[in-house]
PDB file of all heavy atoms in Angstrom:
ATOM      1  N   VAL A   1       0.851  -1.188   0.000  1.00  0.00           N
ATOM      2  CA  VAL A   1       0.000   0.000   0.000  1.00  0.00           C
ATOM      3  C   VAL A   1       0.887   1.238   0.000  1.00  0.00           C
ATOM      4  O   VAL A   1       1.848   1.321   0.775  1.00  0.00           O
ATOM      5  CB  VAL A   1      -0.939   0.026   1.227  1.00  0.00           C
ATOM      6  CG1 VAL A   1      -1.764   1.327   1.254  1.00  0.00           C
ATOM      7  CG2 VAL A   1      -1.859  -1.195   1.228  1.00  0.00           C
ATOM      8  N   ILE A   2       0.588   2.178  -0.895  1.00  0.00           N
ATOM      9  CA  ILE A   2       1.314   3.454  -0.941  1.00  0.00           C
ATOM     10  C   ILE A   2       0.379   4.538  -0.413  1.00  0.00           C
ATOM     11  O   ILE A   2      -0.583   4.918  -1.091  1.00  0.00           O
ATOM     12  CB  ILE A   2       1.762   3.795  -2.371  1.00  0.00           C
ATOM     13  CG1 ILE A   2       2.617   2.660  -2.950  1.00  0.00           C
ATOM     14  CG2 ILE A   2       2.531   5.112  -2.392  1.00  0.00           C
ATOM     15  CD1 ILE A   2       3.004   2.863  -4.407  1.00  0.00           C
ATOM     16  N   PRO A   3       0.621   5.045   0.795  1.00  0.00           N
ATOM     17  CA  PRO A   3      -0.262   6.089   1.337  1.00  0.00           C
ATOM     18  C   PRO A   3      -0.106   7.389   0.560  1.00  0.00           C
ATOM     19  O   PRO A   3       0.945   7.634  -0.051  1.00  0.00           O
ATOM     20  CB  PRO A   3       0.216   6.237   2.782  1.00  0.00           C
ATOM     21  CG  PRO A   3       1.642   5.789   2.761  1.00  0.00           C
ATOM     22  CD  PRO A   3       1.725   4.717   1.715  1.00  0.00           C
ATOM     23  N   PRO A   4      -1.130   8.225   0.534  1.00  0.00           N
ATOM     24  CA  PRO A   4      -1.032   9.495  -0.194  1.00  0.00           C
ATOM     25  C   PRO A   4      -0.053  10.449   0.482  1.00  0.00           C
ATOM     26  O   PRO A   4       0.257  10.309   1.667  1.00  0.00           O
ATOM     27  CB  PRO A   4      -2.463  10.036  -0.139  1.00  0.00           C
ATOM     28  CG  PRO A   4      -3.069   9.387   1.063  1.00  0.00           C
ATOM     29  CD  PRO A   4      -2.442   8.042   1.164  1.00  0.00           C
ATOM     30  N   GLY A   5       0.432  11.409  -0.284  1.00  0.00           N
ATOM     31  CA  GLY A   5       1.353  12.400   0.264  1.00  0.00           C
ATOM     32  C   GLY A   5       2.783  12.165  -0.167  1.00  0.00           C
ATOM     33  O   GLY A   5       3.096  11.216  -0.899  1.00  0.00           O
ATOM     34  N   GLU A   6       3.654  13.050   0.293  1.00  0.00           N
ATOM     35  CA  GLU A   6       5.079  12.982  -0.062  1.00  0.00           C
ATOM     36  C   GLU A   6       5.885  12.268   1.006  1.00  0.00           C
ATOM     37  O   GLU A   6       5.564  12.310   2.200  1.00  0.00           O
ATOM     38  CB  GLU A   6       5.646  14.397  -0.245  1.00  0.00           C
ATOM     39  CG  GLU A   6       5.213  15.099  -1.508  1.00  0.00           C
ATOM     40  CD  GLU A   6       6.002  16.394  -1.721  1.00  0.00           C
ATOM     41  OE1 GLU A   6       6.842  16.725  -0.864  1.00  0.00           O
ATOM     42  OE2 GLU A   6       5.782  17.054  -2.741  1.00  0.00           O
ATOM     43  N   ASN A   7       6.941  11.637   0.559  1.00  0.00           N
ATOM     44  CA  ASN A   7       7.893  11.019   1.472  1.00  0.00           C
ATOM     45  C   ASN A   7       8.732  12.125   2.103  1.00  0.00           C
ATOM     46  O   ASN A   7       9.452  12.837   1.400  1.00  0.00           O
ATOM     47  CB  ASN A   7       8.797  10.049   0.692  1.00  0.00           C
ATOM     48  CG  ASN A   7       9.695   9.246   1.596  1.00  0.00           C
ATOM     49  OD1 ASN A   7      10.058   9.676   2.686  1.00  0.00           O
ATOM     50  ND2 ASN A   7      10.091   8.075   1.114  1.00  0.00           N
ATOM     51  N   PRO A   8       8.651  12.316   3.417  1.00  0.00           N
ATOM     52  CA  PRO A   8       9.393  13.420   4.047  1.00  0.00           C
ATOM     53  C   PRO A   8      10.905  13.321   3.877  1.00  0.00           C
ATOM     54  O   PRO A   8      11.601  14.326   3.927  1.00  0.00           O
ATOM     55  CB  PRO A   8       8.992  13.314   5.524  1.00  0.00           C
ATOM     56  CG  PRO A   8       8.526  11.908   5.703  1.00  0.00           C
ATOM     57  CD  PRO A   8       7.922  11.520   4.409  1.00  0.00           C
ATOM     58  N   LYS A   9      11.384  12.113   3.650  1.00  0.00           N
ATOM     59  CA  LYS A   9      12.823  11.938   3.467  1.00  0.00           C
ATOM     60  C   LYS A   9      13.239  12.139   2.006  1.00  0.00           C
ATOM     61  O   LYS A   9      14.420  12.259   1.716  1.00  0.00           O
ATOM     62  CB  LYS A   9      13.252  10.543   3.944  1.00  0.00           C
ATOM     63  CG  LYS A   9      13.031  10.331   5.444  1.00  0.00           C
ATOM     64  CD  LYS A   9      13.469   8.942   5.873  1.00  0.00           C
ATOM     65  CE  LYS A   9      13.251   8.730   7.370  1.00  0.00           C
ATOM     66  NZ  LYS A   9      13.648   7.368   7.793  1.00  0.00           N
ATOM     67  N   LYS A  10      12.241  12.140   1.110  1.00  0.00           N
ATOM     68  CA  LYS A  10      12.513  12.344  -0.318  1.00  0.00           C
ATOM     69  C   LYS A  10      11.460  13.292  -0.884  1.00  0.00           C
ATOM     70  O   LYS A  10      10.487  12.853  -1.517  1.00  0.00           O
ATOM     71  CB  LYS A  10      12.487  11.010  -1.071  1.00  0.00           C
ATOM     72  CG  LYS A  10      13.546  10.016  -0.630  1.00  0.00           C
ATOM     73  CD  LYS A  10      13.407   8.713  -1.424  1.00  0.00           C
ATOM     74  CE  LYS A  10      14.435   7.673  -0.987  1.00  0.00           C
ATOM     75  NZ  LYS A  10      14.272   6.396  -1.725  1.00  0.00           N
ATOM     76  N   PRO A  11      11.601  14.585  -0.648  1.00  0.00           N
ATOM     77  CA  PRO A  11      10.612  15.564  -1.117  1.00  0.00           C
ATOM     78  C   PRO A  11      10.328  15.408  -2.613  1.00  0.00           C
ATOM     79  O   PRO A  11      11.249  15.234  -3.417  1.00  0.00           O
ATOM     80  CB  PRO A  11      11.275  16.906  -0.819  1.00  0.00           C
ATOM     81  CG  PRO A  11      12.194  16.615   0.329  1.00  0.00           C
ATOM     82  CD  PRO A  11      12.719  15.237   0.083  1.00  0.00           C
ATOM     83  N   GLY A  12       9.053  15.413  -2.940  1.00  0.00           N
ATOM     84  CA  GLY A  12       8.641  15.250  -4.332  1.00  0.00           C
ATOM     85  C   GLY A  12       8.394  13.815  -4.734  1.00  0.00           C
ATOM     86  O   GLY A  12       7.873  13.548  -5.812  1.00  0.00           O
ATOM     87  N   SER A  13       8.760  12.877  -3.848  1.00  0.00           N
ATOM     88  CA  SER A  13       8.562  11.445  -4.133  1.00  0.00           C
ATOM     89  C   SER A  13       7.434  10.885  -3.263  1.00  0.00           C
ATOM     90  O   SER A  13       7.182  11.395  -2.161  1.00  0.00           O
ATOM     91  CB  SER A  13       9.846  10.658  -3.853  1.00  0.00           C
ATOM     92  OG  SER A  13      10.901  11.104  -4.676  1.00  0.00           O
ATOM     93  N   PRO A  14       6.764   9.856  -3.737  1.00  0.00           N
ATOM     94  CA  PRO A  14       5.698   9.251  -2.925  1.00  0.00           C
ATOM     95  C   PRO A  14       6.276   8.495  -1.738  1.00  0.00           C
ATOM     96  O   PRO A  14       7.473   8.213  -1.677  1.00  0.00           O
ATOM     97  CB  PRO A  14       5.009   8.301  -3.904  1.00  0.00           C
ATOM     98  CG  PRO A  14       6.067   7.963  -4.911  1.00  0.00           C
ATOM     99  CD  PRO A  14       6.908   9.204  -5.049  1.00  0.00           C
ATOM    100  N   HIS A  15       5.418   8.164  -0.805  1.00  0.00           N
ATOM    101  CA  HIS A  15       5.822   7.349   0.347  1.00  0.00           C
ATOM    102  C   HIS A  15       6.288   5.972  -0.118  1.00  0.00           C
ATOM    103  O   HIS A  15       5.924   5.506  -1.201  1.00  0.00           O
ATOM    104  CB  HIS A  15       4.654   7.175   1.316  1.00  0.00           C
ATOM    105  CG  HIS A  15       4.360   8.380   2.145  1.00  0.00           C
ATOM    106  ND1 HIS A  15       5.161   8.775   3.187  1.00  0.00           N
ATOM    107  CD2 HIS A  15       3.348   9.271   2.079  1.00  0.00           C
ATOM    108  CE1 HIS A  15       4.652   9.863   3.740  1.00  0.00           C
ATOM    109  NE2 HIS A  15       3.551  10.197   3.087  1.00  0.00           N
ATOM    110  N   ASN A  16       7.089   5.353   0.711  1.00  0.00           N
ATOM    111  CA  ASN A  16       7.502   3.981   0.441  1.00  0.00           C
ATOM    112  C   ASN A  16       6.311   3.034   0.577  1.00  0.00           C
ATOM    113  O   ASN A  16       5.327   3.324   1.274  1.00  0.00           O
ATOM    114  CB  ASN A  16       8.603   3.549   1.413  1.00  0.00           C
ATOM    115  CG  ASN A  16       9.891   4.314   1.198  1.00  0.00           C
ATOM    116  OD1 ASN A  16      10.172   4.782   0.084  1.00  0.00           O
ATOM    117  ND2 ASN A  16      10.683   4.460   2.244  1.00  0.00           N
ATOM    118  N   VAL A  17       6.418   1.883  -0.066  1.00  0.00           N
ATOM    119  CA  VAL A  17       5.372   0.862   0.010  1.00  0.00           C
ATOM    120  C   VAL A  17       5.388   0.204   1.382  1.00  0.00           C
ATOM    121  O   VAL A  17       6.440  -0.113   1.919  1.00  0.00           O
ATOM    122  CB  VAL A  17       5.586  -0.210  -1.076  1.00  0.00           C
ATOM    123  CG1 VAL A  17       4.619  -1.367  -0.899  1.00  0.00           C
ATOM    124  CG2 VAL A  17       5.436   0.397  -2.465  1.00  0.00           C
ATOM    125  N   ARG A  18       4.211   0.019   1.958  1.00  0.00           N
ATOM    126  CA  ARG A  18       4.062  -0.760   3.194  1.00  0.00           C
ATOM    127  C   ARG A  18       3.365  -2.065   2.844  1.00  0.00           C
ATOM    128  O   ARG A  18       2.341  -2.070   2.163  1.00  0.00           O
ATOM    129  CB  ARG A  18       3.204  -0.017   4.214  1.00  0.00           C
ATOM    130  CG  ARG A  18       3.975   0.914   5.126  1.00  0.00           C
ATOM    131  CD  ARG A  18       4.433   2.176   4.452  1.00  0.00           C
ATOM    132  NE  ARG A  18       4.817   3.195   5.451  1.00  0.00           N
ATOM    133  CZ  ARG A  18       5.242   4.412   5.140  1.00  0.00           C
ATOM    134  NH1 ARG A  18       5.368   4.752   3.851  1.00  0.00           N
ATOM    135  NH2 ARG A  18       5.547   5.270   6.072  1.00  0.00           N
ATOM    136  N   LEU A  19       3.907  -3.186   3.313  1.00  0.00           N
ATOM    137  CA  LEU A  19       3.329  -4.496   3.006  1.00  0.00           C
ATOM    138  C   LEU A  19       2.345  -4.930   4.091  1.00  0.00           C
ATOM    139  O   LEU A  19       2.606  -4.775   5.285  1.00  0.00           O
ATOM    140  CB  LEU A  19       4.429  -5.552   2.874  1.00  0.00           C
ATOM    141  CG  LEU A  19       5.334  -5.455   1.644  1.00  0.00           C
ATOM    142  CD1 LEU A  19       6.396  -6.548   1.691  1.00  0.00           C
ATOM    143  CD2 LEU A  19       4.525  -5.562   0.355  1.00  0.00           C
ATOM    144  N   TYR A  20       1.222  -5.488   3.648  1.00  0.00           N
ATOM    145  CA  TYR A  20       0.216  -6.016   4.568  1.00  0.00           C
ATOM    146  C   TYR A  20      -0.222  -7.401   4.094  1.00  0.00           C
ATOM    147  O   TYR A  20      -0.566  -7.596   2.923  1.00  0.00           O
ATOM    148  CB  TYR A  20      -1.021  -5.098   4.611  1.00  0.00           C
ATOM    149  CG  TYR A  20      -0.750  -3.755   5.260  1.00  0.00           C
ATOM    150  CD1 TYR A  20      -0.381  -2.658   4.489  1.00  0.00           C
ATOM    151  CD2 TYR A  20      -0.846  -3.598   6.635  1.00  0.00           C
ATOM    152  CE1 TYR A  20      -0.121  -1.428   5.080  1.00  0.00           C
ATOM    153  CE2 TYR A  20      -0.590  -2.366   7.237  1.00  0.00           C
ATOM    154  CZ  TYR A  20      -0.237  -1.295   6.454  1.00  0.00           C
ATOM    155  OH  TYR A  20       0.032  -0.074   7.043  1.00  0.00           O
ATOM    156  N   SER A  21      -0.211  -8.359   5.015  1.00  0.00           N
ATOM    157  CA  SER A  21      -0.702  -9.698   4.693  1.00  0.00           C
ATOM    158  C   SER A  21      -2.190  -9.618   4.379  1.00  0.00           C
ATOM    159  O   SER A  21      -2.946  -8.942   5.074  1.00  0.00           O
ATOM    160  CB  SER A  21      -0.490 -10.647   5.874  1.00  0.00           C
ATOM    161  OG  SER A  21       0.891 -10.803   6.149  1.00  0.00           O
ATOM    162  N   ILE A  22      -2.605 -10.319   3.343  1.00  0.00           N
ATOM    163  CA  ILE A  22      -4.011 -10.310   2.949  1.00  0.00           C
ATOM    164  C   ILE A  22      -4.798 -11.255   3.865  1.00  0.00           C
ATOM    165  O   ILE A  22      -4.385 -12.381   4.125  1.00  0.00           O
ATOM    166  CB  ILE A  22      -4.162 -10.721   1.479  1.00  0.00           C
ATOM    167  CG1 ILE A  22      -3.425  -9.705   0.590  1.00  0.00           C
ATOM    168  CG2 ILE A  22      -5.637 -10.801   1.083  1.00  0.00           C
ATOM    169  CD1 ILE A  22      -3.341 -10.104  -0.872  1.00  0.00           C
ATOM    170  N   ALA A  23      -5.938 -10.764   4.352  1.00  0.00           N
ATOM    171  CA  ALA A  23      -6.721 -11.490   5.355  1.00  0.00           C
ATOM    172  C   ALA A  23      -7.956 -12.160   4.771  1.00  0.00           C
ATOM    173  O   ALA A  23      -8.921 -12.421   5.494  1.00  0.00           O
ATOM    174  CB  ALA A  23      -7.130 -10.535   6.484  1.00  0.00           C
ATOM    175  N   SER A  24      -7.947 -12.420   3.478  1.00  0.00           N
ATOM    176  CA  SER A  24      -9.101 -13.061   2.840  1.00  0.00           C
ATOM    177  C   SER A  24      -8.599 -14.108   1.856  1.00  0.00           C
ATOM    178  O   SER A  24      -7.413 -14.144   1.526  1.00  0.00           O
ATOM    179  CB  SER A  24      -9.964 -12.018   2.112  1.00  0.00           C
ATOM    180  OG  SER A  24      -9.170 -11.216   1.247  1.00  0.00           O
ATOM    181  N   THR A  25      -9.498 -14.948   1.378  1.00  0.00           N
ATOM    182  CA  THR A  25      -9.137 -15.881   0.319  1.00  0.00           C
ATOM    183  C   THR A  25      -9.091 -15.117  -1.000  1.00  0.00           C
ATOM    184  O   THR A  25      -9.466 -13.944  -1.071  1.00  0.00           O
ATOM    185  CB  THR A  25     -10.159 -17.020   0.178  1.00  0.00           C
ATOM    186  OG1 THR A  25     -11.358 -16.491  -0.396  1.00  0.00           O
ATOM    187  CG2 THR A  25     -10.484 -17.658   1.524  1.00  0.00           C
ATOM    188  N   ARG A  26      -8.686 -15.799  -2.045  1.00  0.00           N
ATOM    189  CA  ARG A  26      -8.608 -15.170  -3.370  1.00  0.00           C
ATOM    190  C   ARG A  26      -9.977 -14.681  -3.859  1.00  0.00           C
ATOM    191  O   ARG A  26     -10.052 -13.867  -4.765  1.00  0.00           O
ATOM    192  CB  ARG A  26      -7.997 -16.147  -4.366  1.00  0.00           C
ATOM    193  CG  ARG A  26      -8.836 -17.369  -4.655  1.00  0.00           C
ATOM    194  CD  ARG A  26      -8.054 -18.444  -5.381  1.00  0.00           C
ATOM    195  NE  ARG A  26      -7.038 -19.054  -4.531  1.00  0.00           N
ATOM    196  CZ  ARG A  26      -6.160 -19.949  -4.955  1.00  0.00           C
ATOM    197  NH1 ARG A  26      -6.170 -20.344  -6.232  1.00  0.00           N
ATOM    198  NH2 ARG A  26      -5.267 -20.459  -4.122  1.00  0.00           N
ATOM    199  N   TYR A  27     -11.041 -15.190  -3.232  1.00  0.00           N
ATOM    200  CA  TYR A  27     -12.389 -14.768  -3.633  1.00  0.00           C
ATOM    201  C   TYR A  27     -12.874 -13.543  -2.855  1.00  0.00           C
ATOM    202  O   TYR A  27     -13.906 -12.966  -3.197  1.00  0.00           O
ATOM    203  CB  TYR A  27     -13.371 -15.930  -3.456  1.00  0.00           C
ATOM    204  CG  TYR A  27     -13.020 -17.103  -4.341  1.00  0.00           C
ATOM    205  CD1 TYR A  27     -12.336 -18.198  -3.832  1.00  0.00           C
ATOM    206  CD2 TYR A  27     -13.322 -17.088  -5.699  1.00  0.00           C
ATOM    207  CE1 TYR A  27     -11.981 -19.264  -4.650  1.00  0.00           C
ATOM    208  CE2 TYR A  27     -12.969 -18.141  -6.529  1.00  0.00           C
ATOM    209  CZ  TYR A  27     -12.299 -19.223  -6.000  1.00  0.00           C
ATOM    210  OH  TYR A  27     -11.932 -20.269  -6.820  1.00  0.00           O
ATOM    211  N   GLY A  28     -12.146 -13.151  -1.820  1.00  0.00           N
ATOM    212  CA  GLY A  28     -12.515 -11.964  -1.065  1.00  0.00           C
ATOM    213  C   GLY A  28     -13.710 -12.174  -0.162  1.00  0.00           C
ATOM    214  O   GLY A  28     -14.374 -13.216  -0.196  1.00  0.00           O
ATOM    215  N   ASP A  29     -14.018 -11.170   0.636  1.00  0.00           N
ATOM    216  CA  ASP A  29     -15.130 -11.284   1.581  1.00  0.00           C
ATOM    217  C   ASP A  29     -16.489 -11.317   0.891  1.00  0.00           C
ATOM    218  O   ASP A  29     -17.484 -11.724   1.498  1.00  0.00           O
ATOM    219  CB  ASP A  29     -15.093 -10.122   2.580  1.00  0.00           C
ATOM    220  CG  ASP A  29     -14.016 -10.310   3.641  1.00  0.00           C
ATOM    221  OD1 ASP A  29     -13.218 -11.258   3.516  1.00  0.00           O
ATOM    222  OD2 ASP A  29     -13.966  -9.506   4.585  1.00  0.00           O
ATOM    223  N   ASN A  30     -16.562 -10.866  -0.348  1.00  0.00           N
ATOM    224  CA  ASN A  30     -17.823 -10.920  -1.092  1.00  0.00           C
ATOM    225  C   ASN A  30     -17.923 -12.155  -1.976  1.00  0.00           C
ATOM    226  O   ASN A  30     -18.907 -12.315  -2.705  1.00  0.00           O
ATOM    227  CB  ASN A  30     -17.987  -9.657  -1.951  1.00  0.00           C
ATOM    228  CG  ASN A  30     -18.148  -8.410  -1.113  1.00  0.00           C
ATOM    229  OD1 ASN A  30     -18.578  -8.478   0.042  1.00  0.00           O
ATOM    230  ND2 ASN A  30     -17.811  -7.263  -1.671  1.00  0.00           N
ATOM    231  N   PHE A  31     -16.891 -12.994  -1.950  1.00  0.00           N
ATOM    232  CA  PHE A  31     -16.883 -14.287  -2.648  1.00  0.00           C
ATOM    233  C   PHE A  31     -16.993 -14.167  -4.167  1.00  0.00           C
ATOM    234  O   PHE A  31     -17.397 -15.125  -4.838  1.00  0.00           O
ATOM    235  CB  PHE A  31     -18.013 -15.194  -2.117  1.00  0.00           C
ATOM    236  CG  PHE A  31     -18.048 -15.300  -0.623  1.00  0.00           C
ATOM    237  CD1 PHE A  31     -19.035 -14.664   0.118  1.00  0.00           C
ATOM    238  CD2 PHE A  31     -17.078 -16.017   0.062  1.00  0.00           C
ATOM    239  CE1 PHE A  31     -19.055 -14.739   1.503  1.00  0.00           C
ATOM    240  CE2 PHE A  31     -17.081 -16.107   1.447  1.00  0.00           C
ATOM    241  CZ  PHE A  31     -18.074 -15.469   2.168  1.00  0.00           C
ATOM    242  N   ASP A  32     -16.612 -13.015  -4.714  1.00  0.00           N
ATOM    243  CA  ASP A  32     -16.730 -12.820  -6.166  1.00  0.00           C
ATOM    244  C   ASP A  32     -15.390 -12.563  -6.851  1.00  0.00           C
ATOM    245  O   ASP A  32     -15.343 -12.242  -8.038  1.00  0.00           O
ATOM    246  CB  ASP A  32     -17.688 -11.662  -6.474  1.00  0.00           C
ATOM    247  CG  ASP A  32     -17.220 -10.334  -5.887  1.00  0.00           C
ATOM    248  OD1 ASP A  32     -16.125 -10.283  -5.267  1.00  0.00           O
ATOM    249  OD2 ASP A  32     -17.962  -9.334  -6.034  1.00  0.00           O
ATOM    250  N   GLY A  33     -14.294 -12.699  -6.100  1.00  0.00           N
ATOM    251  CA  GLY A  33     -12.971 -12.525  -6.681  1.00  0.00           C
ATOM    252  C   GLY A  33     -12.593 -11.088  -6.975  1.00  0.00           C
ATOM    253  O   GLY A  33     -11.599 -10.834  -7.665  1.00  0.00           O
ATOM    254  N   LYS A  34     -13.328 -10.127  -6.427  1.00  0.00           N
ATOM    255  CA  LYS A  34     -13.073  -8.726  -6.751  1.00  0.00           C
ATOM    256  C   LYS A  34     -12.596  -7.879  -5.572  1.00  0.00           C
ATOM    257  O   LYS A  34     -12.323  -6.689  -5.734  1.00  0.00           O
ATOM    258  CB  LYS A  34     -14.343  -8.094  -7.343  1.00  0.00           C
ATOM    259  CG  LYS A  34     -14.747  -8.703  -8.675  1.00  0.00           C
ATOM    260  CD  LYS A  34     -16.004  -8.049  -9.240  1.00  0.00           C
ATOM    261  CE  LYS A  34     -16.380  -8.668 -10.575  1.00  0.00           C
ATOM    262  NZ  LYS A  34     -17.608  -8.055 -11.147  1.00  0.00           N
ATOM    263  N   THR A  35     -12.511  -8.477  -4.386  1.00  0.00           N
ATOM    264  CA  THR A  35     -12.051  -7.711  -3.229  1.00  0.00           C
ATOM    265  C   THR A  35     -10.928  -8.444  -2.499  1.00  0.00           C
ATOM    266  O   THR A  35     -10.730  -9.654  -2.675  1.00  0.00           O
ATOM    267  CB  THR A  35     -13.185  -7.436  -2.222  1.00  0.00           C
ATOM    268  OG1 THR A  35     -13.573  -8.673  -1.588  1.00  0.00           O
ATOM    269  CG2 THR A  35     -14.383  -6.780  -2.882  1.00  0.00           C
ATOM    270  N   ALA A  36     -10.204  -7.690  -1.692  1.00  0.00           N
ATOM    271  CA  ALA A  36      -9.207  -8.239  -0.774  1.00  0.00           C
ATOM    272  C   ALA A  36      -9.388  -7.534   0.557  1.00  0.00           C
ATOM    273  O   ALA A  36      -9.838  -6.383   0.600  1.00  0.00           O
ATOM    274  CB  ALA A  36      -7.792  -8.017  -1.307  1.00  0.00           C
ATOM    275  N   SER A  37      -9.041  -8.217   1.640  1.00  0.00           N
ATOM    276  CA  SER A  37      -9.194  -7.623   2.967  1.00  0.00           C
ATOM    277  C   SER A  37      -7.849  -7.535   3.674  1.00  0.00           C
ATOM    278  O   SER A  37      -7.011  -8.428   3.544  1.00  0.00           O
ATOM    279  CB  SER A  37     -10.177  -8.446   3.808  1.00  0.00           C
ATOM    280  OG  SER A  37     -11.444  -8.473   3.194  1.00  0.00           O
TER     281      SER A  37
END
């Protein structure tokens, strides 16, 4: 996930990527394959 805003350590650049483990199956909470949690 890349949060909005600038990276304070690199003015003009986006924030670094933060990794988050996905908490759903490949079908997502709506069971249609279109979401992730």
